[in-house]
N, C-alpha and C. Protein backbone atom coordinates (compact mmCIF):
# COMPACT_ATOMS: atom_id res chain seq x y z
N MET A 1 14.57 -119.44 85.15
CA MET A 1 13.31 -119.83 84.56
C MET A 1 13.40 -120.15 82.91
N LEU A 2 12.72 -121.22 82.57
CA LEU A 2 13.12 -121.56 81.21
C LEU A 2 12.14 -120.67 80.20
N LYS A 3 12.85 -120.53 79.04
CA LYS A 3 12.07 -119.79 78.09
C LYS A 3 10.88 -120.75 77.38
N ASN A 4 11.02 -121.81 77.42
CA ASN A 4 10.00 -122.77 76.72
C ASN A 4 9.10 -123.24 77.81
N SER A 5 7.98 -123.60 77.35
CA SER A 5 6.80 -124.27 78.01
C SER A 5 7.18 -125.71 78.11
N LEU A 6 6.38 -126.35 79.00
CA LEU A 6 6.68 -127.88 79.11
C LEU A 6 6.32 -128.54 77.84
N ILE A 7 6.97 -129.64 77.53
CA ILE A 7 6.92 -130.35 76.34
C ILE A 7 5.55 -131.39 76.53
N ASN A 8 4.68 -131.32 75.63
CA ASN A 8 3.68 -132.28 75.65
C ASN A 8 4.13 -133.71 75.78
N PRO A 9 3.69 -134.66 76.51
CA PRO A 9 4.12 -136.01 76.62
C PRO A 9 4.07 -136.83 75.31
N THR A 10 3.03 -136.31 74.43
CA THR A 10 3.06 -137.16 73.11
C THR A 10 3.71 -136.37 72.07
N GLN A 11 4.62 -135.37 72.34
CA GLN A 11 5.31 -134.86 71.32
C GLN A 11 6.59 -135.52 71.03
N LEU A 12 7.07 -135.44 69.74
CA LEU A 12 8.31 -136.18 69.44
C LEU A 12 9.54 -135.15 69.67
N VAL A 13 10.58 -135.60 70.30
CA VAL A 13 11.79 -134.91 70.66
C VAL A 13 12.91 -135.48 70.10
N SER A 14 13.84 -134.80 69.38
CA SER A 14 15.11 -135.27 68.73
C SER A 14 16.20 -134.16 68.80
N GLN A 15 17.29 -134.70 68.49
CA GLN A 15 18.55 -133.87 68.39
C GLN A 15 18.39 -133.02 67.15
N VAL A 16 19.00 -131.75 67.09
CA VAL A 16 19.16 -130.97 66.04
C VAL A 16 20.39 -131.35 65.38
N PRO A 17 20.33 -131.60 64.08
CA PRO A 17 21.55 -132.24 63.31
C PRO A 17 22.64 -131.13 63.50
N GLY A 18 23.77 -131.55 63.30
CA GLY A 18 25.03 -130.62 63.23
C GLY A 18 25.77 -130.40 64.38
N ASN A 19 25.42 -131.14 65.48
CA ASN A 19 26.21 -131.03 66.67
C ASN A 19 27.25 -132.24 66.77
N ILE A 20 28.36 -131.88 67.31
CA ILE A 20 29.34 -132.95 67.51
C ILE A 20 29.32 -133.61 69.07
N ALA A 21 29.07 -134.89 69.30
CA ALA A 21 29.10 -135.47 70.49
C ALA A 21 30.38 -136.49 70.77
N SER A 22 30.78 -136.39 72.06
CA SER A 22 31.89 -137.38 72.25
C SER A 22 31.74 -137.81 73.77
N ASP A 23 32.18 -139.01 73.85
CA ASP A 23 32.21 -139.49 75.26
C ASP A 23 33.51 -139.32 76.02
N MET A 24 33.54 -138.68 77.21
CA MET A 24 34.65 -138.32 77.83
C MET A 24 34.63 -138.93 79.44
N ASP A 25 35.24 -139.92 79.70
CA ASP A 25 35.20 -140.62 81.07
C ASP A 25 33.71 -140.82 81.38
N GLY A 26 32.98 -141.35 80.53
CA GLY A 26 31.60 -141.89 80.89
C GLY A 26 30.50 -140.81 80.86
N GLU A 27 30.99 -139.61 80.51
CA GLU A 27 30.01 -138.48 80.24
C GLU A 27 30.11 -138.04 78.79
N LYS A 28 28.82 -137.42 78.36
CA LYS A 28 28.65 -137.13 77.13
C LYS A 28 28.89 -135.59 76.94
N VAL A 29 29.84 -135.11 75.90
CA VAL A 29 30.12 -133.65 75.78
C VAL A 29 29.65 -133.42 74.46
N ILE A 30 28.86 -132.15 74.20
CA ILE A 30 28.33 -131.94 72.87
C ILE A 30 29.04 -130.58 72.49
N LEU A 31 29.46 -130.45 71.29
CA LEU A 31 29.95 -129.12 70.84
C LEU A 31 28.74 -128.69 69.65
N SER A 32 28.34 -127.57 69.97
CA SER A 32 27.27 -127.05 69.10
C SER A 32 28.04 -126.35 68.04
N ILE A 33 27.98 -126.75 66.65
CA ILE A 33 28.74 -126.02 65.70
C ILE A 33 28.06 -124.72 65.55
N GLU A 34 26.69 -124.66 65.64
CA GLU A 34 26.09 -123.18 65.30
C GLU A 34 26.56 -122.07 66.30
N ASN A 35 26.58 -122.40 67.56
CA ASN A 35 27.08 -121.37 68.62
C ASN A 35 28.32 -121.47 69.13
N GLY A 36 29.20 -122.48 68.78
CA GLY A 36 30.45 -122.77 69.15
C GLY A 36 30.68 -123.07 70.63
N LYS A 37 29.60 -123.44 71.44
CA LYS A 37 29.62 -123.62 72.83
C LYS A 37 29.69 -125.31 73.19
N TYR A 38 30.51 -125.56 74.20
CA TYR A 38 30.57 -126.99 74.49
C TYR A 38 29.51 -127.10 75.79
N TYR A 39 28.96 -128.36 75.75
CA TYR A 39 27.96 -128.81 76.77
C TYR A 39 28.52 -130.10 77.39
N ASN A 40 28.47 -130.19 78.75
CA ASN A 40 28.77 -131.48 79.27
C ASN A 40 27.49 -131.99 79.76
N LEU A 41 27.02 -132.98 79.30
CA LEU A 41 25.59 -133.51 79.53
C LEU A 41 25.58 -134.47 80.80
N GLY A 42 26.82 -134.88 81.39
CA GLY A 42 26.82 -135.98 82.25
C GLY A 42 26.42 -137.22 81.79
N GLU A 43 26.38 -138.22 82.78
CA GLU A 43 26.13 -139.61 82.36
C GLU A 43 24.60 -139.82 82.05
N VAL A 44 23.68 -139.37 82.83
CA VAL A 44 22.24 -139.42 82.56
C VAL A 44 21.89 -138.58 81.32
N GLY A 45 22.35 -137.37 81.27
CA GLY A 45 22.03 -136.48 80.18
C GLY A 45 22.56 -137.07 78.93
N GLY A 46 23.78 -137.79 78.97
CA GLY A 46 24.32 -138.37 77.80
C GLY A 46 23.49 -139.62 77.38
N GLU A 47 22.79 -140.09 78.09
CA GLU A 47 22.06 -141.41 77.98
C GLU A 47 20.75 -140.81 77.18
N ILE A 48 20.17 -139.63 77.75
CA ILE A 48 18.92 -139.08 77.23
C ILE A 48 19.46 -138.57 75.73
N TRP A 49 20.60 -137.99 75.67
CA TRP A 49 21.06 -137.37 74.27
C TRP A 49 21.19 -138.53 73.11
N SER A 50 21.56 -139.81 73.84
CA SER A 50 21.73 -140.88 72.78
C SER A 50 20.26 -141.42 72.37
N ARG A 51 19.33 -141.39 73.23
CA ARG A 51 18.10 -141.77 72.88
C ARG A 51 17.30 -140.76 72.08
N LEU A 52 17.86 -139.55 71.87
CA LEU A 52 17.25 -138.46 71.00
C LEU A 52 17.74 -138.51 69.57
N SER A 53 18.73 -139.50 69.34
CA SER A 53 19.34 -139.56 67.93
C SER A 53 18.11 -139.83 66.91
N LYS A 54 17.00 -140.46 67.30
CA LYS A 54 15.98 -140.38 66.34
C LYS A 54 14.84 -140.02 67.18
N PRO A 55 13.76 -139.40 66.44
CA PRO A 55 12.51 -138.73 67.31
C PRO A 55 12.04 -139.77 68.23
N ILE A 56 11.76 -139.33 69.36
CA ILE A 56 11.00 -140.23 70.39
C ILE A 56 9.89 -139.48 71.05
N ARG A 57 8.70 -140.11 71.37
CA ARG A 57 7.77 -139.44 72.07
C ARG A 57 8.33 -139.30 73.52
N LEU A 58 7.92 -137.98 74.12
CA LEU A 58 8.40 -137.70 75.48
C LEU A 58 7.96 -138.77 76.41
N ASN A 59 6.74 -139.19 76.39
CA ASN A 59 6.24 -140.29 77.49
C ASN A 59 6.93 -141.69 77.23
N THR A 60 7.48 -141.90 75.93
CA THR A 60 8.28 -143.10 75.81
C THR A 60 9.61 -142.88 76.40
N LEU A 61 10.19 -141.92 76.19
CA LEU A 61 11.45 -141.63 76.82
C LEU A 61 11.39 -141.60 78.19
N ILE A 62 10.38 -141.10 78.95
CA ILE A 62 10.36 -141.02 80.35
C ILE A 62 10.18 -142.55 81.01
N THR A 63 9.28 -143.32 80.32
CA THR A 63 9.10 -144.49 80.63
C THR A 63 10.31 -145.38 80.67
N ASN A 64 11.01 -145.37 79.45
CA ASN A 64 12.34 -146.07 79.29
C ASN A 64 13.36 -145.70 80.29
N LEU A 65 13.44 -144.49 80.58
CA LEU A 65 14.37 -143.90 81.73
C LEU A 65 14.08 -144.44 83.05
N MET A 66 12.60 -144.45 83.31
CA MET A 66 12.22 -144.95 84.68
C MET A 66 12.69 -146.25 84.92
N GLU A 67 12.52 -147.20 83.92
CA GLU A 67 12.91 -148.59 83.97
C GLU A 67 14.32 -148.62 84.14
N GLU A 68 15.12 -147.89 83.37
CA GLU A 68 16.61 -148.16 83.41
C GLU A 68 17.27 -147.72 84.68
N PHE A 69 16.81 -146.39 85.12
CA PHE A 69 17.38 -145.82 86.41
C PHE A 69 16.58 -146.10 87.59
N ASN A 70 15.41 -146.87 87.56
CA ASN A 70 14.63 -147.32 88.71
C ASN A 70 14.31 -145.92 89.60
N VAL A 71 13.52 -145.04 88.80
CA VAL A 71 13.22 -143.75 89.45
C VAL A 71 11.60 -143.51 89.29
N GLY A 72 10.97 -142.88 90.12
CA GLY A 72 9.46 -142.65 90.02
C GLY A 72 9.25 -141.77 88.78
N ARG A 73 7.94 -141.88 88.41
CA ARG A 73 7.46 -141.04 87.36
C ARG A 73 7.42 -139.64 87.61
N ASP A 74 6.98 -139.11 88.76
CA ASP A 74 7.06 -137.60 88.89
C ASP A 74 8.50 -137.17 88.95
N VAL A 75 9.32 -137.84 89.59
CA VAL A 75 10.78 -137.31 89.61
C VAL A 75 11.35 -137.41 88.21
N CYS A 76 11.15 -138.40 87.65
CA CYS A 76 11.79 -138.65 86.12
C CYS A 76 11.16 -137.63 85.25
N GLU A 77 9.95 -137.46 85.25
CA GLU A 77 9.26 -136.47 84.29
C GLU A 77 9.62 -135.11 84.59
N ALA A 78 9.73 -134.74 85.79
CA ALA A 78 10.27 -133.20 86.09
C ALA A 78 11.69 -133.12 85.80
N ASP A 79 12.58 -134.06 86.06
CA ASP A 79 13.99 -133.87 85.67
C ASP A 79 14.10 -133.82 84.14
N VAL A 80 13.30 -134.78 83.35
CA VAL A 80 13.63 -134.78 82.00
C VAL A 80 12.99 -133.47 81.28
N GLN A 81 11.89 -133.02 81.75
CA GLN A 81 11.43 -131.74 81.38
C GLN A 81 12.27 -130.59 81.45
N TYR A 82 12.82 -130.47 82.65
CA TYR A 82 13.90 -129.45 82.85
C TYR A 82 14.92 -129.60 82.07
N PHE A 83 15.69 -130.71 81.83
CA PHE A 83 16.80 -131.07 81.00
C PHE A 83 16.56 -130.79 79.65
N LEU A 84 15.36 -131.21 79.12
CA LEU A 84 15.12 -130.89 77.68
C LEU A 84 14.62 -129.37 77.39
N GLY A 85 14.21 -128.81 78.34
CA GLY A 85 13.98 -127.44 78.27
C GLY A 85 15.20 -126.61 78.11
N LYS A 86 16.25 -126.89 78.83
CA LYS A 86 17.66 -126.31 78.76
C LYS A 86 18.18 -126.57 77.40
N LEU A 87 18.09 -127.84 76.93
CA LEU A 87 18.49 -128.24 75.66
C LEU A 87 17.70 -127.40 74.58
N LEU A 88 16.41 -127.32 74.65
CA LEU A 88 15.70 -126.55 73.77
C LEU A 88 16.18 -124.97 73.77
N ASP A 89 16.37 -124.40 74.86
CA ASP A 89 16.92 -123.05 75.08
C ASP A 89 18.08 -122.81 74.39
N GLU A 90 18.87 -123.93 74.25
CA GLU A 90 20.29 -123.74 73.56
C GLU A 90 20.29 -124.20 72.11
N GLY A 91 18.98 -124.62 71.63
CA GLY A 91 18.99 -124.95 70.24
C GLY A 91 19.65 -126.45 69.88
N LEU A 92 19.65 -127.18 70.83
CA LEU A 92 20.39 -128.52 70.76
C LEU A 92 19.32 -129.66 70.41
N VAL A 93 18.03 -129.42 70.66
CA VAL A 93 16.98 -130.63 70.35
C VAL A 93 15.66 -129.66 69.68
N LYS A 94 14.97 -130.41 69.08
CA LYS A 94 13.78 -129.93 68.60
C LYS A 94 12.65 -130.76 68.95
N VAL A 95 11.56 -130.07 68.99
CA VAL A 95 10.01 -130.82 69.29
C VAL A 95 9.23 -130.68 68.07
N ASP A 96 8.65 -131.81 67.68
CA ASP A 96 7.77 -131.91 66.47
C ASP A 96 6.42 -132.04 67.06
């Protein structure tokens, strides 16, 4: 169960500064300087991470991912909400 509630579709989401990201065999790996943990975000997670380099509205992020990965809105929204909730729990992203 996620500690954080669902992100409102109109809220801005972005990376928390101070993490180190690297590409490894097509997957994005993040090192959190704050907690010293590594995170393997995978291919799609890495794409989401890249799009969070600047603040982006959640609904815009979902629409862009739906087009790129040819996935339905319900599935995309649920998966992105879950993924971002995990990143929020780890302190890797922020919501404004």
